mmCIF file of all heavy atoms, coordinates in Angstrom:
data_MODEL
# 
_entry.id   MODEL 
# 
loop_
_atom_site.group_PDB 
_atom_site.id 
_atom_site.type_symbol 
_atom_site.label_atom_id 
_atom_site.label_alt_id 
_atom_site.label_comp_id 
_atom_site.label_asym_id 
_atom_site.label_entity_id 
_atom_site.label_seq_id 
_atom_site.pdbx_PDB_ins_code 
_atom_site.Cartn_x 
_atom_site.Cartn_y 
_atom_site.Cartn_z 
_atom_site.occupancy 
_atom_site.B_iso_or_equiv 
_atom_site.pdbx_formal_charge 
_atom_site.auth_seq_id 
_atom_site.auth_comp_id 
_atom_site.auth_asym_id 
_atom_site.auth_atom_id 
_atom_site.pdbx_PDB_model_num 
ATOM 1   N N   . GLN A 1 1  ? 4.064  10.866 -7.111  1.00 0.00 ? 1  GLN A N   1 
ATOM 2   C CA  . GLN A 1 1  ? 3.789  9.690  -6.291  1.00 0.00 ? 1  GLN A CA  1 
ATOM 3   C C   . GLN A 1 1  ? 2.577  9.925  -5.394  1.00 0.00 ? 1  GLN A C   1 
ATOM 4   O O   . GLN A 1 1  ? 1.710  9.055  -5.265  1.00 0.00 ? 1  GLN A O   1 
ATOM 5   C CB  . GLN A 1 1  ? 5.020  9.348  -5.447  1.00 0.00 ? 1  GLN A CB  1 
ATOM 6   C CG  . GLN A 1 1  ? 6.171  8.764  -6.246  1.00 0.00 ? 1  GLN A CG  1 
ATOM 7   C CD  . GLN A 1 1  ? 7.418  8.594  -5.412  1.00 0.00 ? 1  GLN A CD  1 
ATOM 8   O OE1 . GLN A 1 1  ? 7.721  9.409  -4.527  1.00 0.00 ? 1  GLN A OE1 1 
ATOM 9   N NE2 . GLN A 1 1  ? 8.165  7.529  -5.674  1.00 0.00 ? 1  GLN A NE2 1 
ATOM 10  N N   . ARG A 1 2  ? 2.522  11.075 -4.797  1.00 0.00 ? 2  ARG A N   1 
ATOM 11  C CA  . ARG A 1 2  ? 1.377  11.414 -3.936  1.00 0.00 ? 2  ARG A CA  1 
ATOM 12  C C   . ARG A 1 2  ? 0.071  11.362 -4.736  1.00 0.00 ? 2  ARG A C   1 
ATOM 13  O O   . ARG A 1 2  ? -0.950 10.866 -4.242  1.00 0.00 ? 2  ARG A O   1 
ATOM 14  C CB  . ARG A 1 2  ? 1.598  12.800 -3.335  1.00 0.00 ? 2  ARG A CB  1 
ATOM 15  C CG  . ARG A 1 2  ? 0.473  13.283 -2.418  1.00 0.00 ? 2  ARG A CG  1 
ATOM 16  C CD  . ARG A 1 2  ? 0.738  14.721 -1.986  1.00 0.00 ? 2  ARG A CD  1 
ATOM 17  N NE  . ARG A 1 2  ? -0.428 15.302 -1.354  1.00 0.00 ? 2  ARG A NE  1 
ATOM 18  C CZ  . ARG A 1 2  ? -0.615 15.398 -0.046  1.00 0.00 ? 2  ARG A CZ  1 
ATOM 19  N NH1 . ARG A 1 2  ? 0.310  14.938 0.779   1.00 0.00 ? 2  ARG A NH1 1 
ATOM 20  N NH2 . ARG A 1 2  ? -1.712 15.950 0.454   1.00 0.00 ? 2  ARG A NH2 1 
ATOM 21  N N   . ALA A 1 3  ? 0.116  11.841 -5.969  1.00 0.00 ? 3  ALA A N   1 
ATOM 22  C CA  . ALA A 1 3  ? -1.084 11.835 -6.812  1.00 0.00 ? 3  ALA A CA  1 
ATOM 23  C C   . ALA A 1 3  ? -1.545 10.408 -7.095  1.00 0.00 ? 3  ALA A C   1 
ATOM 24  O O   . ALA A 1 3  ? -2.752 10.126 -7.108  1.00 0.00 ? 3  ALA A O   1 
ATOM 25  C CB  . ALA A 1 3  ? -0.813 12.581 -8.118  1.00 0.00 ? 3  ALA A CB  1 
ATOM 26  N N   . ILE A 1 4  ? -0.610 9.494  -7.314  1.00 0.00 ? 4  ILE A N   1 
ATOM 27  C CA  . ILE A 1 4  ? -0.959 8.087  -7.548  1.00 0.00 ? 4  ILE A CA  1 
ATOM 28  C C   . ILE A 1 4  ? -1.610 7.484  -6.310  1.00 0.00 ? 4  ILE A C   1 
ATOM 29  O O   . ILE A 1 4  ? -2.597 6.735  -6.393  1.00 0.00 ? 4  ILE A O   1 
ATOM 30  C CB  . ILE A 1 4  ? 0.288  7.284  -7.956  1.00 0.00 ? 4  ILE A CB  1 
ATOM 31  C CG1 . ILE A 1 4  ? 0.754  7.696  -9.351  1.00 0.00 ? 4  ILE A CG1 1 
ATOM 32  C CG2 . ILE A 1 4  ? 0.009  5.776  -7.924  1.00 0.00 ? 4  ILE A CG2 1 
ATOM 33  C CD1 . ILE A 1 4  ? 2.102  7.115  -9.741  1.00 0.00 ? 4  ILE A CD1 1 
ATOM 34  N N   . LEU A 1 5  ? -1.083 7.816  -5.147  1.00 0.00 ? 5  LEU A N   1 
ATOM 35  C CA  . LEU A 1 5  ? -1.634 7.281  -3.904  1.00 0.00 ? 5  LEU A CA  1 
ATOM 36  C C   . LEU A 1 5  ? -3.067 7.758  -3.700  1.00 0.00 ? 5  LEU A C   1 
ATOM 37  O O   . LEU A 1 5  ? -3.936 6.983  -3.297  1.00 0.00 ? 5  LEU A O   1 
ATOM 38  C CB  . LEU A 1 5  ? -0.767 7.706  -2.712  1.00 0.00 ? 5  LEU A CB  1 
ATOM 39  C CG  . LEU A 1 5  ? 0.704  7.304  -2.773  1.00 0.00 ? 5  LEU A CG  1 
ATOM 40  C CD1 . LEU A 1 5  ? 1.429  7.769  -1.514  1.00 0.00 ? 5  LEU A CD1 1 
ATOM 41  C CD2 . LEU A 1 5  ? 0.859  5.799  -2.939  1.00 0.00 ? 5  LEU A CD2 1 
ATOM 42  N N   . ILE A 1 6  ? -3.325 9.032  -3.986  1.00 0.00 ? 6  ILE A N   1 
ATOM 43  C CA  . ILE A 1 6  ? -4.663 9.587  -3.806  1.00 0.00 ? 6  ILE A CA  1 
ATOM 44  C C   . ILE A 1 6  ? -5.626 9.064  -4.862  1.00 0.00 ? 6  ILE A C   1 
ATOM 45  O O   . ILE A 1 6  ? -6.806 8.830  -4.589  1.00 0.00 ? 6  ILE A O   1 
ATOM 46  C CB  . ILE A 1 6  ? -4.605 11.131 -3.829  1.00 0.00 ? 6  ILE A CB  1 
ATOM 47  C CG1 . ILE A 1 6  ? -3.848 11.653 -2.598  1.00 0.00 ? 6  ILE A CG1 1 
ATOM 48  C CG2 . ILE A 1 6  ? -6.001 11.739 -3.888  1.00 0.00 ? 6  ILE A CG2 1 
ATOM 49  C CD1 . ILE A 1 6  ? -3.570 13.140 -2.623  1.00 0.00 ? 6  ILE A CD1 1 
ATOM 50  N N   . ALA A 1 7  ? -5.149 8.846  -6.065  1.00 0.00 ? 7  ALA A N   1 
ATOM 51  C CA  . ALA A 1 7  ? -6.016 8.425  -7.158  1.00 0.00 ? 7  ALA A CA  1 
ATOM 52  C C   . ALA A 1 7  ? -6.365 6.942  -7.105  1.00 0.00 ? 7  ALA A C   1 
ATOM 53  O O   . ALA A 1 7  ? -7.474 6.550  -7.486  1.00 0.00 ? 7  ALA A O   1 
ATOM 54  C CB  . ALA A 1 7  ? -5.371 8.738  -8.507  1.00 0.00 ? 7  ALA A CB  1 
ATOM 55  N N   . GLU A 1 8  ? -5.426 6.098  -6.620  1.00 0.00 ? 8  GLU A N   1 
ATOM 56  C CA  . GLU A 1 8  ? -5.727 4.678  -6.722  1.00 0.00 ? 8  GLU A CA  1 
ATOM 57  C C   . GLU A 1 8  ? -5.107 3.763  -5.680  1.00 0.00 ? 8  GLU A C   1 
ATOM 58  O O   . GLU A 1 8  ? -5.740 2.793  -5.271  1.00 0.00 ? 8  GLU A O   1 
ATOM 59  C CB  . GLU A 1 8  ? -5.334 4.152  -8.101  1.00 0.00 ? 8  GLU A CB  1 
ATOM 60  C CG  . GLU A 1 8  ? -3.877 4.308  -8.500  1.00 0.00 ? 8  GLU A CG  1 
ATOM 61  C CD  . GLU A 1 8  ? -3.609 3.735  -9.884  1.00 0.00 ? 8  GLU A CD  1 
ATOM 62  O OE1 . GLU A 1 8  ? -4.040 2.604  -10.160 1.00 0.00 ? 8  GLU A OE1 1 
ATOM 63  O OE2 . GLU A 1 8  ? -2.976 4.435  -10.695 1.00 0.00 ? 8  GLU A OE2 1 
ATOM 64  N N   . GLU A 1 9  ? -3.894 4.010  -5.220  1.00 0.00 ? 9  GLU A N   1 
ATOM 65  C CA  . GLU A 1 9  ? -3.241 3.019  -4.378  1.00 0.00 ? 9  GLU A CA  1 
ATOM 66  C C   . GLU A 1 9  ? -3.654 3.084  -2.916  1.00 0.00 ? 9  GLU A C   1 
ATOM 67  O O   . GLU A 1 9  ? -3.689 2.065  -2.227  1.00 0.00 ? 9  GLU A O   1 
ATOM 68  C CB  . GLU A 1 9  ? -1.714 3.153  -4.470  1.00 0.00 ? 9  GLU A CB  1 
ATOM 69  C CG  . GLU A 1 9  ? -1.120 2.606  -5.742  1.00 0.00 ? 9  GLU A CG  1 
ATOM 70  C CD  . GLU A 1 9  ? 0.361  2.292  -5.596  1.00 0.00 ? 9  GLU A CD  1 
ATOM 71  O OE1 . GLU A 1 9  ? 0.926  2.474  -4.493  1.00 0.00 ? 9  GLU A OE1 1 
ATOM 72  O OE2 . GLU A 1 9  ? 0.959  1.859  -6.591  1.00 0.00 ? 9  GLU A OE2 1 
ATOM 73  N N   . GLY A 1 10 ? -3.948 4.282  -2.406  1.00 0.00 ? 10 GLY A N   1 
ATOM 74  C CA  . GLY A 1 10 ? -4.186 4.413  -0.986  1.00 0.00 ? 10 GLY A CA  1 
ATOM 75  C C   . GLY A 1 10 ? -2.888 4.335  -0.194  1.00 0.00 ? 10 GLY A C   1 
ATOM 76  O O   . GLY A 1 10 ? -1.792 4.324  -0.755  1.00 0.00 ? 10 GLY A O   1 
ATOM 77  N N   . TRP A 1 11 ? -3.004 4.251  1.127   1.00 0.00 ? 11 TRP A N   1 
ATOM 78  C CA  . TRP A 1 11 ? -1.837 4.285  2.000   1.00 0.00 ? 11 TRP A CA  1 
ATOM 79  C C   . TRP A 1 11 ? -2.192 3.634  3.324   1.00 0.00 ? 11 TRP A C   1 
ATOM 80  O O   . TRP A 1 11 ? -3.376 3.425  3.625   1.00 0.00 ? 11 TRP A O   1 
ATOM 81  C CB  . TRP A 1 11 ? -1.388 5.731  2.212   1.00 0.00 ? 11 TRP A CB  1 
ATOM 82  C CG  . TRP A 1 11 ? -0.015 5.903  2.787   1.00 0.00 ? 11 TRP A CG  1 
ATOM 83  C CD1 . TRP A 1 11 ? 0.314  6.325  4.043   1.00 0.00 ? 11 TRP A CD1 1 
ATOM 84  C CD2 . TRP A 1 11 ? 1.234  5.667  2.113   1.00 0.00 ? 11 TRP A CD2 1 
ATOM 85  N NE1 . TRP A 1 11 ? 1.678  6.372  4.196   1.00 0.00 ? 11 TRP A NE1 1 
ATOM 86  C CE2 . TRP A 1 11 ? 2.271  5.967  3.030   1.00 0.00 ? 11 TRP A CE2 1 
ATOM 87  C CE3 . TRP A 1 11 ? 1.562  5.224  0.836   1.00 0.00 ? 11 TRP A CE3 1 
ATOM 88  C CZ2 . TRP A 1 11 ? 3.618  5.846  2.702   1.00 0.00 ? 11 TRP A CZ2 1 
ATOM 89  C CZ3 . TRP A 1 11 ? 2.906  5.107  0.510   1.00 0.00 ? 11 TRP A CZ3 1 
ATOM 90  C CH2 . TRP A 1 11 ? 3.923  5.410  1.428   1.00 0.00 ? 11 TRP A CH2 1 
ATOM 91  N N   . ILE A 1 12 ? -1.181 3.283  4.093   1.00 0.00 ? 12 ILE A N   1 
ATOM 92  C CA  . ILE A 1 12 ? -1.366 2.773  5.444   1.00 0.00 ? 12 ILE A CA  1 
ATOM 93  C C   . ILE A 1 12 ? -1.121 3.915  6.420   1.00 0.00 ? 12 ILE A C   1 
ATOM 94  O O   . ILE A 1 12 ? -0.067 4.554  6.366   1.00 0.00 ? 12 ILE A O   1 
ATOM 95  C CB  . ILE A 1 12 ? -0.378 1.632  5.740   1.00 0.00 ? 12 ILE A CB  1 
ATOM 96  C CG1 . ILE A 1 12 ? -0.626 0.445  4.796   1.00 0.00 ? 12 ILE A CG1 1 
ATOM 97  C CG2 . ILE A 1 12 ? -0.494 1.185  7.206   1.00 0.00 ? 12 ILE A CG2 1 
ATOM 98  C CD1 . ILE A 1 12 ? 0.482  -0.599 4.842   1.00 0.00 ? 12 ILE A CD1 1 
ATOM 99  N N   . ALA A 1 13 ? -2.072 4.193  7.282   1.00 0.00 ? 13 ALA A N   1 
ATOM 100 C CA  . ALA A 1 13 ? -1.896 5.271  8.248   1.00 0.00 ? 13 ALA A CA  1 
ATOM 101 C C   . ALA A 1 13 ? -0.635 5.030  9.074   1.00 0.00 ? 13 ALA A C   1 
ATOM 102 O O   . ALA A 1 13 ? -0.487 3.996  9.707   1.00 0.00 ? 13 ALA A O   1 
ATOM 103 C CB  . ALA A 1 13 ? -3.111 5.362  9.167   1.00 0.00 ? 13 ALA A CB  1 
ATOM 104 N N   . GLY A 1 14 ? 0.276  5.991  9.028   1.00 0.00 ? 14 GLY A N   1 
ATOM 105 C CA  . GLY A 1 14 ? 1.520  5.892  9.780   1.00 0.00 ? 14 GLY A CA  1 
ATOM 106 C C   . GLY A 1 14 ? 2.697  5.376  8.994   1.00 0.00 ? 14 GLY A C   1 
ATOM 107 O O   . GLY A 1 14 ? 3.847  5.485  9.467   1.00 0.00 ? 14 GLY A O   1 
ATOM 108 N N   . ALA A 1 15 ? 2.475  4.813  7.821   1.00 0.00 ? 15 ALA A N   1 
ATOM 109 C CA  . ALA A 1 15 ? 3.591  4.283  7.027   1.00 0.00 ? 15 ALA A CA  1 
ATOM 110 C C   . ALA A 1 15 ? 4.551  5.401  6.659   1.00 0.00 ? 15 ALA A C   1 
ATOM 111 O O   . ALA A 1 15 ? 4.145  6.483  6.247   1.00 0.00 ? 15 ALA A O   1 
ATOM 112 C CB  . ALA A 1 15 ? 3.067  3.615  5.755   1.00 0.00 ? 15 ALA A CB  1 
ATOM 113 N N   . GLY A 1 16 ? 5.839  5.138  6.840   1.00 0.00 ? 16 GLY A N   1 
ATOM 114 C CA  . GLY A 1 16 ? 6.858  6.119  6.518   1.00 0.00 ? 16 GLY A CA  1 
ATOM 115 C C   . GLY A 1 16 ? 7.233  7.045  7.660   1.00 0.00 ? 16 GLY A C   1 
ATOM 116 O O   . GLY A 1 16 ? 8.138  7.862  7.519   1.00 0.00 ? 16 GLY A O   1 
ATOM 117 N N   . HIS A 1 17 ? 6.544  6.909  8.788   1.00 0.00 ? 17 HIS A N   1 
ATOM 118 C CA  . HIS A 1 17 ? 6.840  7.759  9.947   1.00 0.00 ? 17 HIS A CA  1 
ATOM 119 C C   . HIS A 1 17 ? 7.572  6.934  11.002  1.00 0.00 ? 17 HIS A C   1 
ATOM 120 O O   . HIS A 1 17 ? 7.105  6.764  12.137  1.00 0.00 ? 17 HIS A O   1 
ATOM 121 C CB  . HIS A 1 17 ? 5.554  8.368  10.494  1.00 0.00 ? 17 HIS A CB  1 
ATOM 122 C CG  . HIS A 1 17 ? 4.901  9.332  9.557   1.00 0.00 ? 17 HIS A CG  1 
ATOM 123 N ND1 . HIS A 1 17 ? 5.469  10.553 9.238   1.00 0.00 ? 17 HIS A ND1 1 
ATOM 124 C CD2 . HIS A 1 17 ? 3.750  9.250  8.842   1.00 0.00 ? 17 HIS A CD2 1 
ATOM 125 C CE1 . HIS A 1 17 ? 4.671  11.186 8.378   1.00 0.00 ? 17 HIS A CE1 1 
ATOM 126 N NE2 . HIS A 1 17 ? 3.628  10.419 8.119   1.00 0.00 ? 17 HIS A NE2 1 
ATOM 127 N N   . GLN A 1 18 ? 8.730  6.430  10.620  1.00 0.00 ? 18 GLN A N   1 
ATOM 128 C CA  . GLN A 1 18 ? 9.477  5.535  11.495  1.00 0.00 ? 18 GLN A CA  1 
ATOM 129 C C   . GLN A 1 18 ? 9.867  6.199  12.813  1.00 0.00 ? 18 GLN A C   1 
ATOM 130 O O   . GLN A 1 18 ? 9.808  5.575  13.879  1.00 0.00 ? 18 GLN A O   1 
ATOM 131 C CB  . GLN A 1 18 ? 10.734 5.026  10.780  1.00 0.00 ? 18 GLN A CB  1 
ATOM 132 C CG  . GLN A 1 18 ? 10.467 3.993  9.705   1.00 0.00 ? 18 GLN A CG  1 
ATOM 133 C CD  . GLN A 1 18 ? 10.040 4.607  8.380   1.00 0.00 ? 18 GLN A CD  1 
ATOM 134 O OE1 . GLN A 1 18 ? 9.940  5.831  8.251   1.00 0.00 ? 18 GLN A OE1 1 
ATOM 135 N NE2 . GLN A 1 18 ? 9.781  3.763  7.398   1.00 0.00 ? 18 GLN A NE2 1 
ATOM 136 N N   . ALA A 1 19 ? 10.269 7.473  12.777  1.00 0.00 ? 19 ALA A N   1 
ATOM 137 C CA  . ALA A 1 19 ? 10.696 8.141  13.997  1.00 0.00 ? 19 ALA A CA  1 
ATOM 138 C C   . ALA A 1 19 ? 9.533  8.278  14.978  1.00 0.00 ? 19 ALA A C   1 
ATOM 139 O O   . ALA A 1 19 ? 9.695  8.046  16.190  1.00 0.00 ? 19 ALA A O   1 
ATOM 140 C CB  . ALA A 1 19 ? 11.257 9.522  13.663  1.00 0.00 ? 19 ALA A CB  1 
ATOM 141 N N   . LEU A 1 20 ? 8.373  8.621  14.459  1.00 0.00 ? 20 LEU A N   1 
ATOM 142 C CA  . LEU A 1 20 ? 7.201  8.744  15.305  1.00 0.00 ? 20 LEU A CA  1 
ATOM 143 C C   . LEU A 1 20 ? 6.775  7.394  15.875  1.00 0.00 ? 20 LEU A C   1 
ATOM 144 O O   . LEU A 1 20 ? 6.417  7.274  17.049  1.00 0.00 ? 20 LEU A O   1 
ATOM 145 C CB  . LEU A 1 20 ? 6.060  9.379  14.515  1.00 0.00 ? 20 LEU A CB  1 
ATOM 146 C CG  . LEU A 1 20 ? 4.778  9.779  15.264  1.00 0.00 ? 20 LEU A CG  1 
ATOM 147 C CD1 . LEU A 1 20 ? 5.104  10.625 16.490  1.00 0.00 ? 20 LEU A CD1 1 
ATOM 148 C CD2 . LEU A 1 20 ? 3.850  10.523 14.335  1.00 0.00 ? 20 LEU A CD2 1 
ATOM 149 N N   . LEU A 1 21 ? 6.849  6.364  15.032  1.00 0.00 ? 21 LEU A N   1 
ATOM 150 C CA  . LEU A 1 21 ? 6.510  5.018  15.495  1.00 0.00 ? 21 LEU A CA  1 
ATOM 151 C C   . LEU A 1 21 ? 7.492  4.548  16.555  1.00 0.00 ? 21 LEU A C   1 
ATOM 152 O O   . LEU A 1 21 ? 7.108  3.873  17.525  1.00 0.00 ? 21 LEU A O   1 
ATOM 153 C CB  . LEU A 1 21 ? 6.496  4.042  14.314  1.00 0.00 ? 21 LEU A CB  1 
ATOM 154 C CG  . LEU A 1 21 ? 5.320  4.193  13.342  1.00 0.00 ? 21 LEU A CG  1 
ATOM 155 C CD1 . LEU A 1 21 ? 5.576  3.405  12.051  1.00 0.00 ? 21 LEU A CD1 1 
ATOM 156 C CD2 . LEU A 1 21 ? 4.022  3.712  14.005  1.00 0.00 ? 21 LEU A CD2 1 
ATOM 157 N N   . ALA A 1 22 ? 8.748  4.899  16.390  1.00 0.00 ? 22 ALA A N   1 
ATOM 158 C CA  . ALA A 1 22 ? 9.754  4.514  17.384  1.00 0.00 ? 22 ALA A CA  1 
ATOM 159 C C   . ALA A 1 22 ? 9.462  5.174  18.728  1.00 0.00 ? 22 ALA A C   1 
ATOM 160 O O   . ALA A 1 22 ? 9.622  4.553  19.790  1.00 0.00 ? 22 ALA A O   1 
ATOM 161 C CB  . ALA A 1 22 ? 11.143 4.904  16.902  1.00 0.00 ? 22 ALA A CB  1 
ATOM 162 N N   . GLN A 1 23 ? 9.006  6.422  18.694  1.00 0.00 ? 23 GLN A N   1 
ATOM 163 C CA  . GLN A 1 23 ? 8.628  7.094  19.936  1.00 0.00 ? 23 GLN A CA  1 
ATOM 164 C C   . GLN A 1 23 ? 7.473  6.377  20.618  1.00 0.00 ? 23 GLN A C   1 
ATOM 165 O O   . GLN A 1 23 ? 7.453  6.203  21.833  1.00 0.00 ? 23 GLN A O   1 
ATOM 166 C CB  . GLN A 1 23 ? 8.228  8.540  19.641  1.00 0.00 ? 23 GLN A CB  1 
ATOM 167 C CG  . GLN A 1 23 ? 9.361  9.451  19.191  1.00 0.00 ? 23 GLN A CG  1 
ATOM 168 C CD  . GLN A 1 23 ? 8.862  10.853 18.874  1.00 0.00 ? 23 GLN A CD  1 
ATOM 169 O OE1 . GLN A 1 23 ? 7.873  11.319 19.438  1.00 0.00 ? 23 GLN A OE1 1 
ATOM 170 N NE2 . GLN A 1 23 ? 9.540  11.521 17.959  1.00 0.00 ? 23 GLN A NE2 1 
ATOM 171 N N   . LEU A 1 24 ? 6.494  5.944  19.816  1.00 0.00 ? 24 LEU A N   1 
ATOM 172 C CA  . LEU A 1 24 ? 5.344  5.233  20.377  1.00 0.00 ? 24 LEU A CA  1 
ATOM 173 C C   . LEU A 1 24 ? 5.784  3.918  20.994  1.00 0.00 ? 24 LEU A C   1 
ATOM 174 O O   . LEU A 1 24 ? 5.296  3.522  22.054  1.00 0.00 ? 24 LEU A O   1 
ATOM 175 C CB  . LEU A 1 24 ? 4.294  4.992  19.294  1.00 0.00 ? 24 LEU A CB  1 
ATOM 176 C CG  . LEU A 1 24 ? 3.565  6.226  18.745  1.00 0.00 ? 24 LEU A CG  1 
ATOM 177 C CD1 . LEU A 1 24 ? 2.693  5.841  17.565  1.00 0.00 ? 24 LEU A CD1 1 
ATOM 178 C CD2 . LEU A 1 24 ? 2.717  6.873  19.840  1.00 0.00 ? 24 LEU A CD2 1 
ATOM 179 N N   . ARG A 1 25 ? 6.706  3.220  20.320  1.00 0.00 ? 25 ARG A N   1 
ATOM 180 C CA  . ARG A 1 25 ? 7.164  1.928  20.837  1.00 0.00 ? 25 ARG A CA  1 
ATOM 181 C C   . ARG A 1 25 ? 7.929  2.108  22.157  1.00 0.00 ? 25 ARG A C   1 
ATOM 182 O O   . ARG A 1 25 ? 7.768  1.333  23.092  1.00 0.00 ? 25 ARG A O   1 
ATOM 183 C CB  . ARG A 1 25 ? 8.037  1.229  19.806  1.00 0.00 ? 25 ARG A CB  1 
ATOM 184 C CG  . ARG A 1 25 ? 7.308  0.805  18.542  1.00 0.00 ? 25 ARG A CG  1 
ATOM 185 C CD  . ARG A 1 25 ? 8.182  -0.067 17.643  1.00 0.00 ? 25 ARG A CD  1 
ATOM 186 N NE  . ARG A 1 25 ? 7.502  -0.357 16.394  1.00 0.00 ? 25 ARG A NE  1 
ATOM 187 C CZ  . ARG A 1 25 ? 7.729  0.254  15.240  1.00 0.00 ? 25 ARG A CZ  1 
ATOM 188 N NH1 . ARG A 1 25 ? 8.658  1.216  15.193  1.00 0.00 ? 25 ARG A NH1 1 
ATOM 189 N NH2 . ARG A 1 25 ? 7.078  -0.055 14.150  1.00 0.00 ? 25 ARG A NH2 1 
# 
């Protein structure tokens, strides 16, 4: 999955880091 993201899909900075985002909120 990581290889697909790097090769073509990209990612949203912070996506999947719910605990960290909750701390920020």
